[in-house]
C-alpha cells in the first residue's frame, strides 16, 4: 500500500510541476518577483523538514521494485523510462517488464505490475475500466 501511495504522489508531483509557468517577464517589472521571493524562501524549510521522512519511507519500501510495464509503442516506452527515472530519483528501485497492453490491468490486480502511466482508452479502455470497477486499479488522472 505504501508503494502505491508513493507512486500516486510521484505522479501527482509530475502533474503539479507541469502546471507552473516558465514566463519570467512579470508585468510590473522586478517588484513582483522581489515580492514573491520571500514566500518561496519561507516555504523551503518546511519542505526540507518533510523530505527526510518521505525519503525514509521510500528507502524502507524500496527493497521491492516498483514494476512498470513496457509496451510496443514508442511514446509509451519513452514515458515509462521517464516515470522510472523519477521514481528512482526518489530512492525507489524500478523493474521494467514487457507486458501485453490489454492484460497489463489484470496484472495490476494480481500484483505483477504496480503502475501504468498511459492508457490508450480507444483501444484498451474496456479492459482498464473493468479493473478500475473491480477496485484493483486506481485511475489517478485523466487527460
Protein backbone atom coordinates (compact mmCIF):
# COMPACT_ATOMS: atom_id res chain seq x y z
CA UNK A 1 0.00 0.00 0.00
CA UNK A 2 2.86 2.38 0.83
CA UNK A 3 4.36 1.68 -2.57
CA UNK A 4 1.07 2.65 -4.28
CA UNK A 5 0.92 5.89 -2.29
CA UNK A 6 4.47 6.76 -3.28
CA UNK A 7 3.64 6.06 -6.92
CA UNK A 8 0.47 8.17 -6.73
CA UNK A 9 2.30 11.07 -5.07
CA UNK A 10 5.08 10.88 -7.65
CA UNK A 11 2.51 11.01 -10.46
CA UNK A 12 0.72 13.94 -8.84
CA UNK A 13 4.04 15.74 -8.38
CA UNK A 14 4.70 15.37 -12.12
CA UNK A 15 1.30 16.84 -12.93
CA UNK A 16 1.73 19.70 -10.45
CA UNK A 17 5.19 20.56 -11.77
CA UNK A 18 3.81 20.75 -15.31
CA UNK A 19 1.22 23.34 -14.23
CA UNK A 20 3.76 26.07 -13.42
CA UNK A 21 4.66 28.99 -15.64
CA UNK A 22 8.04 29.43 -17.30
CA UNK A 23 7.32 33.10 -18.04
CA UNK A 24 9.85 35.26 -16.15
CA UNK A 25 8.57 38.54 -17.58
CA UNK A 26 6.17 39.90 -14.97
CA UNK A 27 4.02 42.88 -15.91
CA UNK A 28 5.21 45.06 -13.04
CA UNK A 29 8.94 44.84 -13.56
CA UNK A 30 11.10 43.30 -10.86
CA UNK A 31 8.96 44.37 -7.90
CA UNK A 32 6.60 41.42 -8.43
CA UNK A 33 9.49 38.93 -8.46
CA UNK A 34 11.01 40.53 -5.35
CA UNK A 35 7.70 40.28 -3.52
CA UNK A 36 7.25 36.63 -4.47
CA UNK A 37 10.75 35.53 -3.45
CA UNK A 38 10.34 35.72 0.36
CA UNK A 39 7.29 33.45 0.23
CA UNK A 40 9.31 30.76 -1.55
CA UNK A 41 12.20 31.22 0.89
CA UNK A 42 9.83 30.89 3.84
CA UNK A 43 8.29 27.71 2.44
CA UNK A 44 11.63 25.97 1.86
CA UNK A 45 12.36 24.96 5.48
CA UNK A 46 9.03 23.14 5.74
CA UNK A 47 9.86 21.14 2.63
CA UNK A 48 13.33 20.39 3.96
CA UNK A 49 11.85 19.14 7.22
CA UNK A 50 9.31 16.91 5.48
CA UNK A 51 11.72 15.39 2.95
CA UNK A 52 13.69 13.09 5.31
CA UNK A 53 10.50 11.32 6.41
CA UNK A 54 9.48 10.81 2.79
CA UNK A 55 12.97 9.58 1.89
CA UNK A 56 12.98 7.16 4.83
CA UNK A 57 9.57 5.79 3.80
CA UNK A 58 10.76 5.35 0.22
CA UNK A 59 14.01 3.73 1.35
CA UNK A 60 12.18 1.37 3.69
CA UNK A 61 9.87 0.24 0.90
CA UNK A 62 12.41 0.23 -1.96
CA UNK A 63 13.55 -3.36 -1.42
CA UNK A 64 10.68 -4.45 -3.66
CA UNK A 65 11.00 -2.75 -7.04
CA UNK A 66 8.11 -0.79 -8.49
CA UNK A 67 7.14 -2.83 -11.54
CA UNK A 68 6.46 -0.79 -14.69
CA UNK A 69 5.21 -2.23 -18.00
CA UNK A 70 6.91 -1.71 -21.33
CA UNK A 71 4.56 -1.90 -24.33
CA UNK A 72 5.32 -1.89 -28.03
CA UNK A 73 4.82 1.77 -28.96
CA UNK A 74 7.44 4.50 -28.77
CA UNK A 75 5.58 7.14 -26.72
CA UNK A 76 4.83 4.60 -24.01
CA UNK A 77 8.42 3.38 -23.94
CA UNK A 78 9.77 6.92 -23.62
CA UNK A 79 7.19 7.72 -20.95
CA UNK A 80 7.82 4.61 -18.85
CA UNK A 81 11.55 5.33 -18.70
CA UNK A 82 10.82 8.94 -17.68
CA UNK A 83 8.46 7.77 -14.91
CA UNK A 84 11.01 5.16 -13.85
CA UNK A 85 13.75 7.78 -13.63
CA UNK A 86 11.56 9.98 -11.41
CA UNK A 87 10.78 7.05 -9.13
CA UNK A 88 14.46 6.08 -8.94
CA UNK A 89 15.41 9.66 -8.08
CA UNK A 90 13.16 9.38 -5.01
CA UNK A 91 15.05 6.30 -3.80
CA UNK A 92 12.83 3.58 -5.24
CA UNK A 93 14.05 0.67 -7.29
CA UNK A 94 12.27 0.05 -10.58
CA UNK A 95 11.79 -3.08 -12.65
CA UNK A 96 10.75 -2.78 -16.31
CA UNK A 97 8.64 -5.68 -17.60
CA UNK A 98 7.47 -6.32 -21.17
CA UNK A 99 3.70 -6.57 -20.98
CA UNK A 100 0.65 -7.08 -23.13
CA UNK A 101 -1.24 -3.81 -23.43
CA UNK A 102 -4.64 -5.32 -22.62
CA UNK A 103 -3.62 -7.79 -19.91
CA UNK A 104 -1.48 -5.27 -18.00
CA UNK A 105 -4.50 -4.14 -15.96
CA UNK A 106 -5.24 -7.70 -14.86
CA UNK A 107 -1.55 -7.96 -13.97
CA UNK A 108 -2.02 -5.00 -11.64
CA UNK A 109 -4.81 -6.84 -9.85
CA UNK A 110 -2.58 -9.87 -9.45
CA UNK A 111 0.29 -7.77 -8.06
CA UNK A 112 2.53 -8.41 -11.07
CA UNK A 113 2.54 -4.74 -12.11
CA UNK A 114 2.43 -1.60 -9.94
CA UNK A 115 1.92 1.41 -12.20
CA UNK A 116 0.68 2.08 -15.72
CA UNK A 117 1.30 5.69 -16.70
CA UNK A 118 -0.55 5.70 -20.03
CA UNK A 119 -3.90 4.21 -21.03
CA UNK A 120 -4.89 4.21 -24.66
CA UNK A 121 -8.60 4.37 -23.92
CA UNK A 122 -9.75 3.91 -27.51
CA UNK A 123 -8.05 0.53 -27.67
CA UNK A 124 -7.75 -0.64 -24.05
CA UNK A 125 -10.42 1.40 -22.25
CA UNK A 126 -12.77 -1.54 -21.64
CA UNK A 127 -10.05 -3.71 -20.05
CA UNK A 128 -8.88 -0.72 -17.99
CA UNK A 129 -12.35 0.21 -16.71
CA UNK A 130 -13.12 -3.41 -15.79
CA UNK A 131 -10.18 -3.40 -13.37
CA UNK A 132 -10.99 0.10 -12.08
CA UNK A 133 -14.54 -1.09 -11.34
CA UNK A 134 -13.13 -4.21 -9.64
CA UNK A 135 -11.12 -1.94 -7.33
CA UNK A 136 -7.75 -3.27 -8.48
CA UNK A 137 -6.65 -0.18 -10.42
CA UNK A 138 -6.76 3.45 -9.32
CA UNK A 139 -7.48 5.95 -12.10
CA UNK A 140 -5.31 8.75 -10.68
CA UNK A 141 -5.60 11.18 -13.60
CA UNK A 142 -7.36 11.52 -16.92
CA UNK A 143 -6.09 13.61 -19.80
